[in-house]
Protein backbone atom coordinates (compact mmCIF):
# COMPACT_ATOMS: atom_id res chain seq x y z
CA UNK A 1 -32.09 -5.78 14.81
CA UNK A 2 -34.00 -4.75 17.93
CA UNK A 3 -32.85 -1.33 19.11
CA UNK A 4 -32.39 -2.55 22.68
CA UNK A 5 -29.26 -4.22 21.34
CA UNK A 6 -27.69 -0.83 20.84
CA UNK A 7 -27.69 -0.32 24.57
CA UNK A 8 -24.95 -2.44 26.01
CA UNK A 9 -22.03 -4.74 25.37
CA UNK A 10 -23.64 -7.12 22.91
CA UNK A 11 -23.59 -4.83 19.89
CA UNK A 12 -19.87 -4.19 19.79
CA UNK A 13 -18.00 -6.00 17.04
CA UNK A 14 -14.95 -5.62 19.23
CA UNK A 15 -16.65 -8.63 20.80
CA UNK A 16 -15.20 -10.93 23.41
CA UNK A 17 -13.54 -14.16 22.37
CA UNK A 18 -16.13 -16.72 21.34
CA UNK A 19 -16.87 -19.66 23.59
CA UNK A 20 -16.82 -21.95 20.59
CA UNK A 21 -13.72 -24.05 20.18
CA UNK A 22 -13.96 -24.09 16.41
CA UNK A 23 -15.07 -21.75 13.69
CA UNK A 24 -16.98 -22.76 10.61
CA UNK A 25 -14.90 -23.17 7.48
CA UNK A 26 -16.02 -20.95 4.63
CA UNK A 27 -15.24 -21.08 0.94
CA UNK A 28 -12.40 -18.93 -0.31
CA UNK A 29 -13.82 -15.51 -1.05
CA UNK A 30 -13.10 -13.24 -3.95
CA UNK A 31 -9.40 -12.26 -4.01
CA UNK A 32 -8.42 -15.48 -2.27
CA UNK A 33 -9.33 -17.49 -5.37
CA UNK A 34 -6.41 -15.89 -7.19
CA UNK A 35 -3.81 -16.98 -4.64
CA UNK A 36 -1.30 -19.57 -5.83
CA UNK A 37 0.86 -20.64 -2.87
CA UNK A 38 3.02 -22.81 -5.12
CA UNK A 39 4.92 -19.66 -6.10
CA UNK A 40 6.57 -19.73 -2.67
CA UNK A 41 7.22 -22.18 0.19
CA UNK A 42 4.40 -22.90 2.63
CA UNK A 43 4.57 -25.13 5.71
CA UNK A 44 2.05 -26.06 8.40
CA UNK A 45 3.74 -25.72 11.78
CA UNK A 46 3.07 -26.10 15.50
CA UNK A 47 4.64 -24.41 18.51
CA UNK A 48 4.07 -24.33 22.26
CA UNK A 49 2.86 -21.69 24.68
CA UNK A 50 5.30 -22.62 27.46
CA UNK A 51 3.53 -20.51 30.10
CA UNK A 52 0.30 -22.51 29.84
CA UNK A 53 1.67 -25.64 28.18
CA UNK A 54 -0.47 -26.09 25.10
CA UNK A 55 0.15 -26.30 21.35
CA UNK A 56 -0.75 -23.71 18.75
CA UNK A 57 -0.93 -24.42 15.03
CA UNK A 58 -0.34 -22.19 12.04
CA UNK A 59 1.15 -21.71 8.62
CA UNK A 60 4.62 -20.37 7.83
CA UNK A 61 5.18 -18.97 4.34
CA UNK A 62 8.68 -18.26 3.04
CA UNK A 63 9.63 -16.47 -0.19
CA UNK A 64 11.83 -19.48 -0.97
CA UNK A 65 12.73 -22.78 0.66
CA UNK A 66 16.31 -21.52 0.88
CA UNK A 67 17.55 -18.21 2.20
CA UNK A 68 17.23 -15.92 5.20
CA UNK A 69 14.33 -13.48 5.24
CA UNK A 70 12.76 -10.66 7.25
CA UNK A 71 9.58 -11.91 8.89
CA UNK A 72 6.33 -10.98 10.60
CA UNK A 73 3.83 -12.66 12.89
CA UNK A 74 0.21 -11.79 12.11
CA UNK A 75 -1.99 -11.09 15.16
CA UNK A 76 -5.75 -11.41 14.75
CA UNK A 77 -8.50 -9.18 16.03
CA UNK A 78 -11.06 -10.02 18.69
CA UNK A 79 -13.32 -13.04 18.45
CA UNK A 80 -12.45 -16.65 17.70
CA UNK A 81 -10.24 -16.33 14.62
CA UNK A 82 -8.49 -18.95 12.55
CA UNK A 83 -5.10 -18.37 10.95
CA UNK A 84 -6.70 -16.56 8.00
CA UNK A 85 -8.67 -14.24 10.32
CA UNK A 86 -11.73 -15.52 8.50
CA UNK A 87 -14.77 -13.29 8.65
CA UNK A 88 -17.93 -12.99 6.56
CA UNK A 89 -16.56 -15.00 3.65
CA UNK A 90 -13.23 -13.18 3.58
CA UNK A 91 -9.76 -14.34 4.60
CA UNK A 92 -7.76 -11.13 5.04
CA UNK A 93 -4.73 -12.78 6.66
CA UNK A 94 -4.44 -15.23 3.78
CA UNK A 95 -4.38 -12.30 1.33
CA UNK A 96 -1.94 -10.31 3.50
CA UNK A 97 0.42 -13.26 4.02
CA UNK A 98 0.38 -14.02 0.31
CA UNK A 99 1.22 -10.41 -0.60
CA UNK A 100 4.02 -10.09 1.93
CA UNK A 101 5.60 -13.42 1.05
CA UNK A 102 5.58 -12.57 -2.66
CA UNK A 103 7.44 -9.40 -1.70
CA UNK A 104 10.22 -11.15 0.18
CA UNK A 105 8.84 -11.22 3.73
CA UNK A 106 8.27 -14.48 5.61
CA UNK A 107 4.97 -14.69 7.49
CA UNK A 108 3.68 -16.79 10.38
CA UNK A 109 -0.08 -16.78 10.92
CA UNK A 110 -1.79 -19.08 13.40
CA UNK A 111 -5.15 -20.26 14.72
CA UNK A 112 -6.22 -18.53 17.93
CA UNK A 113 -6.18 -20.71 21.04
CA UNK A 114 -9.09 -23.14 20.93
CA UNK A 115 -9.73 -22.49 17.22
CA UNK A 116 -8.98 -24.81 14.29
CA UNK A 117 -5.94 -26.93 15.13
CA UNK A 118 -4.82 -24.89 18.15
CA UNK A 119 -5.30 -26.05 21.73
CA UNK A 120 -5.61 -23.93 24.87
CA UNK A 121 -9.23 -22.82 24.95
CA UNK A 122 -10.05 -21.05 28.23
CA UNK A 123 -13.20 -18.96 28.61
CA UNK A 124 -11.49 -16.68 31.11
CA UNK A 125 -8.66 -15.70 28.72
CA UNK A 126 -7.94 -12.00 28.22
CA UNK A 127 -5.89 -9.92 25.78
CA UNK A 128 -2.90 -10.43 28.05
CA UNK A 129 -3.20 -14.22 27.64
CA UNK A 130 -3.43 -13.86 23.86
CA UNK A 131 -0.23 -11.81 23.99
CA UNK A 132 1.48 -14.87 25.50
CA UNK A 133 0.36 -16.87 22.46
CA UNK A 134 1.91 -14.30 20.13
CA UNK A 135 5.12 -14.33 22.16
CA UNK A 136 5.25 -18.10 21.65
CA UNK A 137 4.82 -17.54 17.91
CA UNK A 138 7.70 -15.06 17.87
CA UNK A 139 9.96 -17.46 19.77
CA UNK A 140 9.16 -20.20 17.28
CA UNK A 141 9.84 -17.93 14.33
CA UNK A 142 13.19 -16.88 15.76
CA UNK A 143 14.15 -20.55 16.12
CA UNK A 144 13.97 -21.05 12.34
CA UNK A 145 17.18 -20.81 10.35
CA UNK A 146 15.37 -19.15 7.46
CA UNK A 147 14.41 -16.13 9.59
CA UNK A 148 16.56 -13.03 10.03
CA UNK A 149 16.44 -12.59 13.79
CA UNK A 150 17.25 -8.88 13.53
CA UNK A 151 14.36 -8.20 11.13
CA UNK A 152 11.37 -9.92 12.71
CA UNK A 153 8.27 -7.95 13.62
CA UNK A 154 4.55 -8.00 14.38
CA UNK A 155 1.49 -7.04 12.36
CA UNK A 156 -1.61 -6.71 14.53
CA UNK A 157 -5.15 -6.05 13.38
CA UNK A 158 -7.71 -4.49 15.73
CA UNK A 159 -7.15 -6.24 19.10
CA UNK A 160 -3.92 -7.48 17.56
CA UNK A 161 -2.94 -3.82 17.34
CA UNK A 162 -3.15 -3.70 21.13
CA UNK A 163 -1.08 -6.85 21.55
CA UNK A 164 1.79 -5.80 19.27
CA UNK A 165 2.86 -2.82 21.42
CA UNK A 166 2.44 -4.89 24.59
CA UNK A 167 5.15 -7.26 23.34
CA UNK A 168 7.35 -4.67 21.63
CA UNK A 169 7.44 -2.62 24.83
CA UNK A 170 9.14 -5.43 26.74
CA UNK A 171 11.16 -7.28 24.10
CA UNK A 172 14.33 -6.47 22.19
CA UNK A 173 13.49 -9.21 19.67
CA UNK A 174 10.82 -7.15 17.89
CA UNK A 175 12.31 -5.19 14.99
CA UNK A 176 9.10 -3.41 13.94
CA UNK A 177 5.36 -3.35 14.50
CA UNK A 178 2.48 -2.57 12.17
CA UNK A 179 -0.84 -1.56 13.73
CA UNK A 180 -3.83 -2.16 11.45
CA UNK A 181 -6.78 -0.37 13.04
CA UNK A 182 -4.97 -0.57 16.36
CA UNK A 183 -6.29 1.47 19.27
CA UNK A 184 -4.69 4.38 21.06
CA UNK A 185 -7.41 5.11 23.62
CA UNK A 186 -8.78 3.25 26.63
CA UNK A 187 -11.19 0.42 25.89
CA UNK A 188 -14.21 1.96 27.61
CA UNK A 189 -13.89 5.12 25.52
CA UNK A 190 -13.44 3.14 22.31
CA UNK A 191 -16.53 1.03 23.03
CA UNK A 192 -18.67 4.13 23.49
CA UNK A 193 -17.51 5.63 20.19
CA UNK A 194 -17.79 2.35 18.31
CA UNK A 195 -21.31 1.54 19.47
CA UNK A 196 -22.57 5.06 18.72
CA UNK A 197 -21.05 5.13 15.23
CA UNK A 198 -22.43 1.73 14.26
CA UNK A 199 -25.85 2.56 15.66
CA UNK A 200 -25.85 5.75 13.59
CA UNK A 201 -24.91 3.80 10.46
CA UNK A 202 -27.84 1.46 11.09
CA UNK A 203 -30.31 4.33 11.24
CA UNK A 204 -30.78 4.68 14.99
CA UNK A 205 -32.06 8.09 16.06
CA UNK A 206 -29.71 10.58 17.69
CA UNK A 207 -31.86 10.64 20.82
CA UNK A 208 -31.68 6.86 21.19
CA UNK A 209 -27.91 6.93 20.65
CA UNK A 210 -27.46 9.64 23.27
CA UNK A 211 -29.58 7.72 25.77
CA UNK A 212 -27.74 4.46 25.13
CA UNK A 213 -24.35 6.15 25.32
CA UNK A 214 -25.19 7.63 28.71
CA UNK A 215 -26.29 4.23 30.02
CA UNK A 216 -23.23 2.48 28.61
CA UNK A 217 -20.87 5.09 30.05
CA UNK A 218 -22.20 4.60 33.55
CA UNK A 219 -22.08 0.83 33.20
CA UNK A 220 -18.50 0.85 31.89
CA UNK A 221 -17.44 3.07 34.78
CA UNK A 222 -18.91 0.52 37.19
CA UNK A 223 -16.95 -2.28 35.55
CA UNK A 224 -13.72 -0.29 35.57
CA UNK A 225 -13.97 1.04 39.11
CA UNK A 226 -15.34 -1.89 41.16
CA UNK A 227 -13.24 -5.03 41.63
CA UNK A 228 -15.62 -6.90 43.91
CA UNK A 229 -17.89 -8.96 41.64
CA UNK A 230 -20.85 -9.07 44.04
CA UNK A 231 -20.83 -5.32 44.59
CA UNK A 232 -20.44 -4.70 40.87
CA UNK A 233 -23.37 -7.00 40.05
CA UNK A 234 -25.62 -5.29 42.58
CA UNK A 235 -24.93 -1.80 41.27
CA UNK A 236 -25.05 -2.89 37.62
CA UNK A 237 -28.37 -4.65 38.19
CA UNK A 238 -29.89 -1.52 39.70
CA UNK A 239 -28.50 0.56 36.85
CA UNK A 240 -29.82 -1.77 34.14
CA UNK A 241 -33.27 -2.08 35.74
CA UNK A 242 -33.63 1.69 35.85
CA UNK A 243 -32.89 1.87 32.14
CA UNK A 244 -35.18 -1.03 31.20
CA UNK A 245 -38.07 0.52 33.09
CA UNK A 246 -38.04 3.36 30.58
CA UNK A 247 -37.92 1.13 27.48
CA UNK A 248 -41.15 0.09 25.69
CA UNK A 249 -41.65 -3.73 25.59
CA UNK A 250 -41.45 -3.65 21.77
CA UNK A 251 -37.81 -2.60 22.01
CA UNK A 252 -36.74 -5.46 24.27
CA UNK A 253 -36.41 -8.10 21.58
CA UNK A 254 -39.14 -10.30 23.03
CA UNK A 255 -37.22 -10.83 26.27
CA UNK A 256 -38.26 -10.14 29.84
CA UNK A 257 -36.37 -7.72 32.03
CA UNK A 258 -35.04 -10.65 34.05
CA UNK A 259 -33.65 -12.30 30.94
CA UNK A 260 -32.01 -9.07 29.78
CA UNK A 261 -30.50 -8.37 33.19
CA UNK A 262 -29.17 -11.95 33.47
CA UNK A 263 -27.59 -11.82 30.02
CA UNK A 264 -25.96 -8.46 30.59
CA UNK A 265 -24.56 -9.49 33.98
CA UNK A 266 -22.94 -12.45 32.26
CA UNK A 267 -21.32 -10.04 29.80
CA UNK A 268 -20.19 -7.73 32.60
CA UNK A 269 -18.44 -10.58 34.43
CA UNK A 270 -16.63 -11.76 31.29
CA UNK A 271 -12.87 -11.42 32.04
CA UNK A 272 -12.09 -10.34 28.48
CA UNK A 273 -14.64 -7.51 28.61
CA UNK A 274 -13.39 -6.31 31.99
CA UNK A 275 -9.76 -6.34 30.86
CA UNK A 276 -10.50 -4.63 27.57
CA UNK A 277 -12.61 -1.84 29.08
CA UNK A 278 -9.92 -1.09 31.65
CA UNK A 279 -6.91 -1.34 29.36
CA UNK A 280 -5.22 1.83 28.12
CA UNK A 281 -2.70 1.13 25.30
CA UNK A 282 -0.87 4.45 25.73
CA UNK A 283 1.66 3.37 28.41
CA UNK A 284 2.79 0.40 26.31
CA UNK A 285 3.05 2.56 23.18
CA UNK A 286 5.21 5.02 25.10
CA UNK A 287 7.73 2.23 25.75
CA UNK A 288 7.97 1.05 22.12
CA UNK A 289 11.35 1.99 20.63
CA UNK A 290 11.27 0.00 17.38
CA UNK A 291 9.82 1.43 14.13
CA UNK A 292 6.01 1.66 14.09
CA UNK A 293 3.52 1.95 11.25
CA UNK A 294 -0.08 2.72 12.27
CA UNK A 295 -2.76 2.53 9.57
CA UNK A 296 -6.51 3.15 9.91
CA UNK A 297 -9.23 3.41 7.32
CA UNK A 298 -11.08 6.74 7.20
CA UNK A 299 -14.44 4.91 7.24
CA UNK A 300 -13.63 2.54 10.10
CA UNK A 301 -16.58 2.57 12.53
CA UNK A 302 -15.05 0.07 14.96
CA UNK A 303 -11.77 1.88 15.61
CA UNK A 304 -12.40 5.50 14.52
CA UNK A 305 -9.32 6.62 12.66
CA UNK A 306 -8.60 10.20 13.63
CA UNK A 307 -8.90 9.93 17.41
CA UNK A 308 -6.96 6.66 17.58
CA UNK A 309 -4.18 7.65 15.17
CA UNK A 310 -3.70 10.91 17.07
CA UNK A 311 -3.54 9.01 20.37
CA UNK A 312 -0.99 6.55 18.96
CA UNK A 313 1.09 9.44 17.62
CA UNK A 314 0.95 11.28 20.94
CA UNK A 315 2.04 8.21 22.93
CA UNK A 316 4.94 7.41 20.60
CA UNK A 317 6.16 11.01 20.67
CA UNK A 318 5.88 11.09 24.46
CA UNK A 319 8.05 7.98 24.64
CA UNK A 320 10.69 9.49 22.36
CA UNK A 321 10.18 7.15 19.40
CA UNK A 322 11.71 8.84 16.33
CA UNK A 323 10.82 6.22 13.72
CA UNK A 324 7.10 5.95 13.22
CA UNK A 325 4.41 6.76 10.69
CA UNK A 326 0.69 7.17 11.28
CA UNK A 327 -1.55 7.28 8.24
CA UNK A 328 -5.25 7.40 7.49
CA UNK A 329 -6.20 5.51 4.33
CA UNK A 330 -9.09 7.18 2.55
CA UNK A 331 -12.29 5.22 1.98
CA UNK A 332 -11.31 2.03 3.81
CA UNK A 333 -13.27 0.26 6.56
CA UNK A 334 -12.16 -1.74 9.60
CA UNK A 335 -11.15 -4.69 7.39
CA UNK A 336 -9.24 -2.39 5.02
CA UNK A 337 -11.75 -2.86 2.23
CA UNK A 338 -12.76 -0.04 -0.10
CA UNK A 339 -16.32 0.71 1.00
CA UNK A 340 -19.25 3.11 0.89
CA UNK A 341 -20.28 3.58 4.53
CA UNK A 342 -17.88 1.58 6.68
CA UNK A 343 -20.74 -0.30 8.33
CA UNK A 344 -20.03 -3.92 9.30
CA UNK A 345 -23.17 -4.85 7.34
CA UNK A 346 -21.14 -4.13 4.18
CA UNK A 347 -18.26 -6.51 4.91
CA UNK A 348 -19.78 -9.59 3.33
CA UNK A 349 -21.13 -7.76 0.29
CA UNK A 350 -17.81 -6.19 -0.75
CA UNK A 351 -15.94 -8.32 -3.27
CA UNK A 352 -12.56 -6.97 -2.29
CA UNK A 353 -10.91 -8.67 0.70
CA UNK A 354 -7.99 -6.28 1.28
CA UNK A 355 -7.27 -3.01 -0.46
CA UNK A 356 -4.15 -3.17 -2.70
CA UNK A 357 -3.29 0.33 -1.48
CA UNK A 358 -3.15 -0.90 2.10
CA UNK A 359 -1.20 -4.03 1.14
CA UNK A 360 1.45 -1.95 -0.61
CA UNK A 361 1.67 0.52 2.27
CA UNK A 362 2.44 -2.35 4.62
CA UNK A 363 4.97 -4.21 2.48
CA UNK A 364 6.79 -1.08 1.26
CA UNK A 365 7.13 0.28 4.79
CA UNK A 366 8.42 -3.01 6.17
CA UNK A 367 10.97 -3.40 3.39
CA UNK A 368 12.16 0.19 3.90
CA UNK A 369 12.68 -0.50 7.60
CA UNK A 370 14.50 -3.83 7.30
CA UNK A 371 17.10 -2.83 4.71
């Protein structure tokens, strides 16, 4: 990978939602081959986002065709995700839904808007729009007779860990939330940490990381502080040109300065990027009164565990929440796989899709809180 890519928005795996309306189907990977859905009830379902009037599609799994069960909606991370949150040959939401359902918890997982069988693709959509989709999923789940309406919660991974508190803060229908690598700090600060950590894991020199971090910080501040698009573009262009003038041609990935500037301006004007960089999850977390479980892997390079768990803890305490647990899981990466380095380059090479330790932490905590 050309080191110029470490400079700005493009490197981050907390990437903006893809412009593609569909994702490529991959073969079941590793743990998924062992799943036997016939041991419980599974149903393909659809429901409607009433605010924007489009249909979303997903899968509802129930421990049994008869009965009333506690339940959870799974919320995917950033990028165009299908209902299994499919990434690099793995289907973590399929594994998680299977585990929870086998342990007595109903699960609704669904294709992101514009992905798979879901409608509603809009390139200008932000995290706030995706929260509306999750709210529609919750409303559908609560309409089912098999669901205990007093024991229905949210499980959000990565960006989904931002969305879960957004909804729980304003709704009495959410009985619990689980944050899997959820963030507790403002987006612009997370992006700086994430990019630096991943660059370090890929062997980038400390001097290059420091230089890129300084450039990124200034650029993020421009995005967060200037609302007028024309003014923001002018200042960002000047800022980017100054940086590129100091970069050897060999580090520009074969592109001209004009091409690099044009591509980066397109990123800067992406509504999702702007919203994410500006958003601070703390105020929403302070308003969450339901039980909260926050889990992060100690080797997560995308959402560094210690700083984010501490920020989540601080916000919940500030809001007076008395029922929460924050926990760092040793040796796990952003996808909750047991790993060596935590680098995203490992994801596809690890046979494990989801650590059994993490799966049990989630199910045991939920069951303890819905007795």
